[in-house]
Amino acid sequence: MQARYSERSVLLYIGTEIERMGEALDAAEDTMVDGIRLGGDVLRSGYDYDSIDSVAGACFHLACTRQDEPISLPDIADQARKSQKNIQHLSAKLMSELEIQPTPVEADTYLDDGIEEFGFTEDQAAECFELLERGKDRNLHSGLAPTTVAGAILYAVAKKHGLDVRQREISEFVNKTDVSIRNNYKSFLKLADDVPVDVLPPQTLDEAIAALQTTFSEHPAVYADDAREISTGADVGDSASDAGIVGGAYLSVAQAHGEELTAGDLSTELGVGSQTIAKYNEMFTDDD
């Protein structure tokens, strides 16, 4: 059988079978993903299996064990169309001969695979694991699947370094939706060091004020205080950019004090277009 079919077609069959069994038994998505990943490991190892269905059943059984899935062996055997003894025996052999660990899979495993898949450098790989630890310290991983955490971190590091890796590629790799990655990667990106402002511009009024205080530290602190007051009281609508509002307010205050500052000077620091800052600057200047 191994000679008749390509590894890709066999893996596709195993993946399809595991998804079928998982859906029939109401397994979690992470359990099915782990089972498919195990199937790939078995094929890449060159393991001399007798039956593809047995491999699919054993990998799904191992994944249920690793993910603490409350699905019984009889139910798995029934779905795999194999005996309980067959599934249990092959599972034990795979664990022993391929050194598969019967423990829940953490985000680290998916990070390792993603780092290899997307060609991260050693420094970028190290940064991925550093963000994972920082995220755990802040409990960012709580309530998230390991695949979501790994995907968010992989995309955060890719975004920071301008890698040619699309969000869709990462979401498909970890078997999560684009929305899941998009909703979580910024939380990890904020924990990274030296993130370019055009990658992660200030997201709130306070962050924008802090960014300008740091950049223009030679200016009196009252500039930032006045800009904060103007920004907080601005009636500009819910869809307005906080960073753009702060930029316009700060520029207005600085120019009123005779500083030679332009919208372009603030644009780079805030990650907001100079036209947006100029628009709010004009609004606040006309109000004076």
Protein backbone atom coordinates (compact mmCIF):
# COMPACT_ATOMS: atom_id res chain seq x y z
CA MET A 1 0.00 0.00 0.00
CA GLN A 2 2.82 2.37 0.81
CA ALA A 3 4.29 1.75 -2.64
CA ARG A 4 0.99 2.38 -4.43
CA TYR A 5 0.08 5.71 -2.90
CA SER A 6 2.10 8.88 -2.33
CA GLU A 7 2.78 10.09 1.20
CA ARG A 8 0.67 13.18 0.46
CA SER A 9 -2.38 11.15 -0.58
CA VAL A 10 -2.02 8.87 2.45
CA LEU A 11 -1.76 11.83 4.80
CA LEU A 12 -4.82 13.39 3.17
CA TYR A 13 -6.74 10.17 3.78
CA ILE A 14 -5.58 9.96 7.40
CA GLY A 15 -6.50 13.60 7.97
CA THR A 16 -9.93 13.12 6.43
CA GLU A 17 -10.56 10.03 8.57
CA ILE A 18 -9.47 11.76 11.77
CA GLU A 19 -11.72 14.71 11.02
CA ARG A 20 -14.60 12.33 10.34
CA MET A 21 -14.05 10.45 13.61
CA GLY A 22 -13.53 13.67 15.54
CA GLU A 23 -16.72 15.25 14.25
CA ALA A 24 -18.70 12.07 14.87
CA LEU A 25 -17.45 11.91 18.47
CA ASP A 26 -17.63 15.67 19.09
CA ALA A 27 -13.87 16.03 19.63
CA ALA A 28 -12.25 19.44 20.09
CA GLU A 29 -10.56 21.01 17.09
CA ASP A 30 -7.16 20.87 18.80
CA THR A 31 -7.54 17.13 19.28
CA MET A 32 -8.17 16.57 15.59
CA VAL A 33 -5.26 18.84 14.64
CA ASP A 34 -2.97 16.91 17.00
CA GLY A 35 -4.12 13.60 15.52
CA ILE A 36 -3.41 14.77 11.98
CA ARG A 37 -0.01 16.05 13.08
CA LEU A 38 0.76 12.64 14.59
CA GLY A 39 -0.28 10.99 11.33
CA GLY A 40 2.26 13.13 9.51
CA ASP A 41 4.94 12.16 12.02
CA VAL A 42 4.19 8.47 11.46
CA LEU A 43 4.48 8.80 7.68
CA ARG A 44 7.65 10.88 7.80
CA SER A 45 9.26 8.31 10.09
CA GLY A 46 8.85 5.61 7.44
CA TYR A 47 6.97 3.43 9.92
CA ASP A 48 5.95 0.14 8.29
CA TYR A 49 2.19 0.12 8.94
CA ASP A 50 -0.26 -2.55 7.80
CA SER A 51 -3.45 -0.50 7.56
CA ILE A 52 -4.08 3.21 6.96
CA ASP A 53 -7.32 2.96 8.95
CA SER A 54 -5.40 1.52 11.89
CA VAL A 55 -2.91 4.41 11.73
CA ALA A 56 -5.73 6.95 11.62
CA GLY A 57 -7.48 5.29 14.57
CA ALA A 58 -4.28 5.00 16.62
CA CYS A 59 -3.26 8.60 15.94
CA PHE A 60 -6.71 9.83 16.90
CA HIS A 61 -6.62 7.69 20.06
CA LEU A 62 -3.19 9.11 21.00
CA ALA A 63 -4.40 12.64 20.33
CA CYS A 64 -7.40 12.11 22.60
CA THR A 65 -5.03 10.94 25.33
CA ARG A 66 -2.64 13.85 24.83
CA GLN A 67 -5.43 16.43 24.80
CA ASP A 68 -7.34 14.94 27.75
CA GLU A 69 -10.31 14.30 25.47
CA PRO A 70 -13.07 12.28 27.20
CA ILE A 71 -13.62 9.85 24.30
CA SER A 72 -13.47 6.13 25.00
CA LEU A 73 -11.38 3.56 23.15
CA PRO A 74 -14.48 1.50 22.17
CA ASP A 75 -16.00 4.55 20.49
CA ILE A 76 -12.76 5.29 18.63
CA ALA A 77 -12.42 1.66 17.51
CA ASP A 78 -15.99 1.65 16.31
CA GLN A 79 -15.46 4.80 14.24
CA ALA A 80 -12.13 3.51 12.90
CA ARG A 81 -13.76 0.22 11.92
CA LYS A 82 -11.00 -1.64 13.76
CA SER A 83 -10.91 -3.73 16.93
CA GLN A 84 -10.08 -2.13 20.27
CA LYS A 85 -7.11 -4.48 20.52
CA ASN A 86 -5.81 -3.31 17.13
CA ILE A 87 -6.03 0.39 18.00
CA GLN A 88 -4.58 -0.06 21.48
CA HIS A 89 -1.73 -2.27 20.25
CA LEU A 90 -0.71 0.09 17.44
CA SER A 91 -0.98 3.12 19.73
CA ALA A 92 1.43 1.48 22.19
CA LYS A 93 3.85 0.58 19.37
CA LEU A 94 3.82 4.12 17.98
CA MET A 95 4.44 5.59 21.42
CA SER A 96 7.35 3.23 22.01
CA GLU A 97 9.01 3.19 18.58
CA LEU A 98 8.45 6.85 17.66
CA GLU A 99 8.82 8.17 21.23
CA ILE A 100 5.43 9.89 21.15
CA GLN A 101 4.66 11.51 24.49
CA PRO A 102 1.16 10.81 25.90
CA THR A 103 0.88 14.29 27.39
CA PRO A 104 -1.14 17.36 26.37
CA VAL A 105 0.53 19.28 23.55
CA GLU A 106 1.57 22.83 24.44
CA ALA A 107 2.07 25.84 22.20
CA ASP A 108 5.83 25.11 22.15
CA THR A 109 5.29 22.16 19.81
CA TYR A 110 3.37 24.23 17.28
CA LEU A 111 5.94 27.02 17.54
CA ASP A 112 8.75 24.61 16.69
CA ASP A 113 6.85 23.36 13.65
CA GLY A 114 5.89 26.88 12.53
CA ILE A 115 9.44 28.18 12.89
CA GLU A 116 10.62 25.43 10.56
CA GLU A 117 7.70 25.81 8.17
CA PHE A 118 8.14 29.56 7.66
CA GLY A 119 11.93 29.66 7.76
CA PHE A 120 12.45 31.86 10.83
CA THR A 121 16.04 32.65 11.74
CA GLU A 122 17.54 31.51 15.04
CA ASP A 123 17.03 34.98 16.53
CA GLN A 124 13.42 35.10 15.36
CA ALA A 125 12.84 31.61 16.75
CA ALA A 126 14.26 32.67 20.10
CA GLU A 127 11.97 35.70 20.05
CA CYS A 128 8.94 33.46 19.51
CA PHE A 129 9.69 31.51 22.68
CA GLU A 130 10.49 34.71 24.59
CA LEU A 131 7.05 36.08 23.67
CA LEU A 132 5.48 32.80 24.76
CA GLU A 133 7.08 33.09 28.21
CA ARG A 134 6.19 36.77 28.53
CA GLY A 135 2.64 35.95 27.50
CA LYS A 136 2.41 33.20 30.12
CA ASP A 137 3.71 35.61 32.77
CA ARG A 138 0.81 37.93 31.89
CA ASN A 139 -1.66 35.06 31.52
CA LEU A 140 -2.34 35.91 27.87
CA HIS A 141 -2.58 32.22 27.03
CA SER A 142 -5.44 31.63 29.47
CA GLY A 143 -8.55 30.47 27.66
CA LEU A 144 -6.76 30.16 24.32
CA ALA A 145 -5.98 26.94 22.49
CA PRO A 146 -2.25 26.16 22.09
CA THR A 147 -2.70 26.47 18.33
CA THR A 148 -4.14 29.98 18.72
CA VAL A 149 -1.28 31.06 20.98
CA ALA A 150 1.34 29.66 18.61
CA GLY A 151 -0.32 31.20 15.55
CA ALA A 152 -0.60 34.61 17.21
CA ILE A 153 3.07 34.56 18.22
CA LEU A 154 4.26 33.37 14.81
CA TYR A 155 2.32 36.15 13.10
CA ALA A 156 3.47 38.76 15.63
CA VAL A 157 7.14 37.96 14.99
CA ALA A 158 6.55 37.80 11.22
CA LYS A 159 4.88 41.22 11.31
CA LYS A 160 7.64 42.75 13.44
CA HIS A 161 10.38 41.64 11.08
CA GLY A 162 8.45 42.28 7.87
CA LEU A 163 8.60 38.66 6.78
CA ASP A 164 6.75 37.56 3.67
CA VAL A 165 4.33 35.42 5.66
CA ARG A 166 0.63 36.08 5.35
CA GLN A 167 -1.87 35.85 8.16
CA ARG A 168 -3.87 33.35 6.11
CA GLU A 169 -0.83 31.07 5.77
CA ILE A 170 -0.33 30.96 9.52
CA SER A 171 -4.02 30.53 10.33
CA GLU A 172 -4.19 27.59 7.91
CA PHE A 173 -1.00 26.09 9.35
CA VAL A 174 -2.38 26.05 12.91
CA ASN A 175 -5.90 25.26 11.66
CA LYS A 176 -7.47 28.40 13.09
CA THR A 177 -9.53 31.17 11.50
CA ASP A 178 -7.96 34.42 10.35
CA VAL A 179 -10.11 36.21 12.91
CA SER A 180 -8.64 34.12 15.74
CA ILE A 181 -5.09 35.11 14.79
CA ARG A 182 -5.97 38.73 14.08
CA ASN A 183 -7.73 39.14 17.44
CA ASN A 184 -4.78 37.86 19.44
CA TYR A 185 -1.45 38.61 17.73
CA LYS A 186 -1.28 42.26 18.82
CA SER A 187 -1.39 41.27 22.49
CA PHE A 188 1.84 39.31 22.00
CA LEU A 189 3.38 41.87 19.64
CA LYS A 190 3.07 44.51 22.36
CA LEU A 191 5.34 42.38 24.55
CA ALA A 192 8.16 42.34 21.96
CA ASP A 193 11.18 44.61 22.12
CA ASP A 194 11.86 47.35 19.57
CA VAL A 195 8.67 46.97 17.54
CA PRO A 196 8.61 49.52 14.66
CA VAL A 197 5.81 52.03 15.12
CA ASP A 198 4.44 51.36 11.64
CA VAL A 199 3.95 47.72 12.67
CA LEU A 200 2.20 48.44 15.95
CA PRO A 201 1.26 52.12 16.24
CA PRO A 202 -0.11 53.41 19.56
CA GLN A 203 -3.53 51.89 20.03
CA THR A 204 -4.87 54.22 22.74
CA LEU A 205 -4.74 57.86 23.70
CA ASP A 206 -2.43 57.14 26.63
CA GLU A 207 -0.03 55.13 24.45
CA ALA A 208 0.10 57.94 21.89
CA ILE A 209 0.79 60.55 24.58
CA ALA A 210 3.53 58.37 26.07
CA ALA A 211 5.13 57.89 22.64
CA LEU A 212 5.28 61.65 22.03
CA GLN A 213 6.61 62.35 25.52
CA THR A 214 9.44 59.90 24.88
CA THR A 215 10.23 61.23 21.41
CA PHE A 216 10.05 64.91 22.28
CA SER A 217 11.50 64.68 25.76
CA GLU A 218 13.07 68.13 25.36
CA HIS A 219 9.60 69.70 25.33
CA PRO A 220 7.99 70.80 28.60
CA ALA A 221 5.68 68.19 30.14
CA VAL A 222 2.80 70.66 29.93
CA TYR A 223 2.62 70.07 26.16
CA ALA A 224 1.60 66.48 26.72
CA ASP A 225 -0.77 67.43 29.55
CA ASP A 226 -2.52 70.03 27.39
CA ALA A 227 -2.65 67.65 24.41
CA ARG A 228 -4.22 64.99 26.62
CA GLU A 229 -6.88 67.42 27.82
CA ILE A 230 -7.70 68.54 24.27
CA SER A 231 -7.83 64.97 23.00
CA THR A 232 -10.03 63.73 25.83
CA GLY A 233 -12.58 66.47 25.24
CA ALA A 234 -12.54 66.26 21.45
CA ASP A 235 -15.87 65.64 19.73
CA VAL A 236 -14.66 63.78 16.64
CA GLY A 237 -16.81 60.63 16.50
CA ASP A 238 -16.26 57.03 17.58
CA SER A 239 -14.35 55.95 14.46
CA ALA A 240 -11.59 58.52 14.81
CA SER A 241 -7.99 57.44 15.40
CA ASP A 242 -6.80 58.12 18.95
CA ALA A 243 -3.23 58.45 17.70
CA GLY A 244 -4.32 60.92 15.01
CA ILE A 245 -6.29 63.00 17.52
CA VAL A 246 -3.37 63.11 19.95
CA GLY A 247 -1.00 64.04 17.12
CA GLY A 248 -3.21 66.93 16.04
CA ALA A 249 -3.65 68.14 19.62
CA TYR A 250 0.06 67.91 20.46
CA LEU A 251 1.01 69.72 17.25
CA SER A 252 -1.47 72.47 18.04
CA VAL A 253 -0.06 72.94 21.54
CA ALA A 254 3.57 72.81 20.42
CA GLN A 255 3.03 75.33 17.61
CA ALA A 256 1.19 77.65 19.99
CA HIS A 257 4.38 77.66 22.08
CA GLY A 258 6.50 78.52 19.07
CA GLU A 259 7.93 75.07 18.39
CA GLU A 260 8.94 74.32 14.80
CA LEU A 261 7.07 71.06 14.54
CA THR A 262 5.17 69.61 11.57
CA ALA A 263 2.57 66.89 11.11
CA GLY A 264 5.24 64.83 9.34
CA ASP A 265 7.43 64.92 12.45
CA LEU A 266 4.68 63.29 14.49
CA SER A 267 3.46 60.96 11.76
CA THR A 268 6.51 58.72 11.93
CA GLU A 269 6.28 58.37 15.71
CA LEU A 270 2.56 57.68 15.80
CA GLY A 271 2.19 55.51 12.72
CA VAL A 272 -0.58 57.81 11.46
CA GLY A 273 -0.66 59.67 8.16
CA SER A 274 0.48 63.28 8.29
CA GLN A 275 -2.75 64.35 6.59
CA THR A 276 -4.76 62.87 9.45
CA ILE A 277 -2.68 64.72 12.03
CA ALA A 278 -2.88 67.95 10.01
CA LYS A 279 -6.67 67.60 9.83
CA TYR A 280 -7.04 67.38 13.60
CA ASN A 281 -4.40 70.06 14.11
CA GLU A 282 -6.43 72.44 11.98
CA MET A 283 -9.57 71.55 13.89
CA PHE A 284 -8.00 72.21 17.27
CA THR A 285 -6.23 75.36 16.09
CA ASP A 286 -9.50 76.81 14.77
CA ASP A 287 -11.12 76.08 18.14
CA ASP A 288 -8.54 78.20 20.00
